[in-house]
Amino acid sequence: MGSTFNSLVGLIILALDIWAILNVIKSGSTLGIKVLWILLIALLPVVGLVIWAIAGPRGNVRI
């Protein structure tokens, strides 16, 4: 039962990381900033995602 829960949490984190990376790519930031954010999210999946959610570049979302 524990491994099933861990697998589900891992898949959720992977999906959120992919979503964050796509949002970084769609943002209006410079290429260097985008690369740094993508590396941070990819190398530190949980911590990078939290930092990106707080301080990262936003995508081109129109309200």
N, C-alpha and C. Protein backbone atom coordinates (compact mmCIF):
# COMPACT_ATOMS: atom_id res chain seq x y z
N MET A 1 0.83 -1.19 0.00
CA MET A 1 0.00 0.00 0.00
C MET A 1 0.86 1.25 0.00
N GLY A 2 1.99 1.23 0.73
CA GLY A 2 2.86 2.40 0.81
C GLY A 2 3.50 2.73 -0.52
N SER A 3 3.88 1.70 -1.29
CA SER A 3 4.52 1.97 -2.57
C SER A 3 3.54 2.54 -3.59
N THR A 4 2.27 2.16 -3.48
CA THR A 4 1.25 2.72 -4.36
C THR A 4 1.07 4.20 -4.08
N PHE A 5 1.02 4.57 -2.81
CA PHE A 5 0.88 5.98 -2.43
C PHE A 5 2.09 6.78 -2.89
N ASN A 6 3.30 6.22 -2.69
CA ASN A 6 4.51 6.91 -3.11
C ASN A 6 4.55 7.09 -4.62
N SER A 7 4.09 6.10 -5.37
CA SER A 7 4.04 6.21 -6.82
C SER A 7 3.07 7.29 -7.26
N LEU A 8 1.93 7.37 -6.59
CA LEU A 8 0.94 8.39 -6.92
C LEU A 8 1.47 9.79 -6.63
N VAL A 9 2.13 9.96 -5.50
CA VAL A 9 2.73 11.26 -5.16
C VAL A 9 3.80 11.61 -6.18
N GLY A 10 4.61 10.65 -6.57
CA GLY A 10 5.65 10.89 -7.58
C GLY A 10 5.08 11.32 -8.91
N LEU A 11 3.98 10.68 -9.33
CA LEU A 11 3.34 11.07 -10.59
C LEU A 11 2.74 12.47 -10.51
N ILE A 12 2.16 12.82 -9.37
CA ILE A 12 1.60 14.16 -9.20
C ILE A 12 2.71 15.21 -9.26
N ILE A 13 3.83 14.94 -8.60
CA ILE A 13 4.96 15.88 -8.63
C ILE A 13 5.50 16.00 -10.05
N LEU A 14 5.62 14.90 -10.76
CA LEU A 14 6.08 14.93 -12.15
C LEU A 14 5.15 15.76 -13.03
N ALA A 15 3.85 15.56 -12.88
CA ALA A 15 2.88 16.33 -13.67
C ALA A 15 2.96 17.82 -13.35
N LEU A 16 3.10 18.17 -12.07
CA LEU A 16 3.22 19.57 -11.69
C LEU A 16 4.52 20.18 -12.20
N ASP A 17 5.60 19.41 -12.19
CA ASP A 17 6.87 19.91 -12.72
C ASP A 17 6.78 20.17 -14.22
N ILE A 18 6.15 19.27 -14.95
CA ILE A 18 5.98 19.46 -16.39
C ILE A 18 5.13 20.70 -16.65
N TRP A 19 4.06 20.87 -15.88
CA TRP A 19 3.20 22.04 -16.01
C TRP A 19 3.98 23.33 -15.73
N ALA A 20 4.81 23.31 -14.69
CA ALA A 20 5.62 24.49 -14.34
C ALA A 20 6.62 24.79 -15.45
N ILE A 21 7.27 23.78 -15.99
CA ILE A 21 8.24 24.00 -17.06
C ILE A 21 7.55 24.57 -18.30
N LEU A 22 6.38 24.08 -18.63
CA LEU A 22 5.64 24.64 -19.77
C LEU A 22 5.27 26.09 -19.53
N ASN A 23 4.90 26.44 -18.30
CA ASN A 23 4.60 27.83 -17.98
C ASN A 23 5.83 28.71 -18.06
N VAL A 24 6.98 28.18 -17.67
CA VAL A 24 8.23 28.94 -17.79
C VAL A 24 8.53 29.20 -19.27
N ILE A 25 8.36 28.18 -20.10
CA ILE A 25 8.63 28.33 -21.53
C ILE A 25 7.71 29.38 -22.15
N LYS A 26 6.44 29.43 -21.72
CA LYS A 26 5.49 30.39 -22.26
C LYS A 26 5.65 31.80 -21.69
N SER A 27 6.45 31.96 -20.66
CA SER A 27 6.61 33.27 -20.03
C SER A 27 7.39 34.22 -20.95
N GLY A 28 7.33 35.48 -20.63
CA GLY A 28 8.00 36.48 -21.43
C GLY A 28 9.42 36.76 -20.97
N SER A 29 9.97 35.94 -20.12
CA SER A 29 11.33 36.15 -19.60
C SER A 29 12.37 35.89 -20.68
N THR A 30 13.58 36.32 -20.40
CA THR A 30 14.68 36.08 -21.34
C THR A 30 15.06 34.60 -21.33
N LEU A 31 15.79 34.20 -22.36
CA LEU A 31 16.16 32.79 -22.50
C LEU A 31 17.01 32.30 -21.33
N GLY A 32 17.92 33.13 -20.85
CA GLY A 32 18.78 32.74 -19.72
C GLY A 32 17.98 32.47 -18.47
N ILE A 33 17.02 33.34 -18.18
CA ILE A 33 16.16 33.16 -17.00
C ILE A 33 15.33 31.89 -17.15
N LYS A 34 14.80 31.65 -18.34
CA LYS A 34 14.01 30.44 -18.57
C LYS A 34 14.84 29.19 -18.31
N VAL A 35 16.07 29.19 -18.82
CA VAL A 35 16.94 28.02 -18.64
C VAL A 35 17.22 27.79 -17.15
N LEU A 36 17.49 28.87 -16.42
CA LEU A 36 17.75 28.71 -14.98
C LEU A 36 16.54 28.16 -14.25
N TRP A 37 15.35 28.65 -14.56
CA TRP A 37 14.15 28.14 -13.91
C TRP A 37 13.91 26.67 -14.25
N ILE A 38 14.10 26.33 -15.51
CA ILE A 38 13.89 24.93 -15.92
C ILE A 38 14.88 24.01 -15.23
N LEU A 39 16.14 24.44 -15.13
CA LEU A 39 17.13 23.62 -14.42
C LEU A 39 16.77 23.47 -12.94
N LEU A 40 16.33 24.56 -12.31
CA LEU A 40 15.95 24.49 -10.90
C LEU A 40 14.79 23.53 -10.70
N ILE A 41 13.78 23.62 -11.54
CA ILE A 41 12.61 22.74 -11.41
C ILE A 41 12.99 21.28 -11.71
N ALA A 42 13.85 21.06 -12.69
CA ALA A 42 14.22 19.70 -13.07
C ALA A 42 15.15 19.05 -12.05
N LEU A 43 16.09 19.82 -11.50
CA LEU A 43 17.06 19.24 -10.58
C LEU A 43 16.55 19.12 -9.15
N LEU A 44 15.66 20.01 -8.75
CA LEU A 44 15.06 19.97 -7.41
C LEU A 44 13.53 19.99 -7.58
N PRO A 45 12.94 18.86 -7.92
CA PRO A 45 11.53 18.85 -8.30
C PRO A 45 10.57 19.47 -7.29
N VAL A 46 10.67 19.12 -6.04
CA VAL A 46 9.71 19.65 -5.06
C VAL A 46 10.08 21.07 -4.64
N VAL A 47 11.33 21.26 -4.26
CA VAL A 47 11.79 22.58 -3.81
C VAL A 47 11.72 23.57 -4.97
N GLY A 48 12.16 23.16 -6.16
CA GLY A 48 12.11 24.03 -7.33
C GLY A 48 10.69 24.44 -7.68
N LEU A 49 9.75 23.52 -7.54
CA LEU A 49 8.35 23.82 -7.81
C LEU A 49 7.80 24.84 -6.83
N VAL A 50 8.14 24.69 -5.56
CA VAL A 50 7.68 25.64 -4.55
C VAL A 50 8.27 27.02 -4.80
N ILE A 51 9.58 27.08 -5.08
CA ILE A 51 10.22 28.36 -5.33
C ILE A 51 9.64 29.01 -6.58
N TRP A 52 9.42 28.21 -7.63
CA TRP A 52 8.82 28.75 -8.85
C TRP A 52 7.42 29.29 -8.58
N ALA A 53 6.64 28.58 -7.78
CA ALA A 53 5.27 29.02 -7.49
C ALA A 53 5.25 30.35 -6.76
N ILE A 54 6.27 30.60 -5.94
CA ILE A 54 6.34 31.84 -5.18
C ILE A 54 6.95 32.97 -6.00
N ALA A 55 8.04 32.71 -6.71
CA ALA A 55 8.81 33.80 -7.32
C ALA A 55 9.06 33.65 -8.81
N GLY A 56 8.53 32.65 -9.44
CA GLY A 56 8.87 32.39 -10.83
C GLY A 56 8.16 33.28 -11.83
N PRO A 57 8.64 33.24 -13.07
CA PRO A 57 7.99 34.02 -14.13
C PRO A 57 6.64 33.43 -14.46
N ARG A 58 5.73 34.27 -14.81
CA ARG A 58 4.37 33.83 -15.13
C ARG A 58 4.22 33.68 -16.64
N GLY A 59 3.37 32.75 -17.04
CA GLY A 59 3.09 32.56 -18.46
C GLY A 59 2.22 33.69 -18.99
N ASN A 60 1.93 33.64 -20.26
CA ASN A 60 1.11 34.67 -20.89
C ASN A 60 -0.36 34.36 -20.66
N VAL A 61 -0.80 34.54 -19.45
CA VAL A 61 -2.18 34.26 -19.07
C VAL A 61 -2.97 35.56 -19.17
N ARG A 62 -4.08 35.53 -19.87
CA ARG A 62 -4.90 36.74 -20.00
C ARG A 62 -6.20 36.54 -19.26
N ILE A 63 -6.53 37.53 -18.48
CA ILE A 63 -7.76 37.44 -17.67
C ILE A 63 -8.83 38.33 -18.28
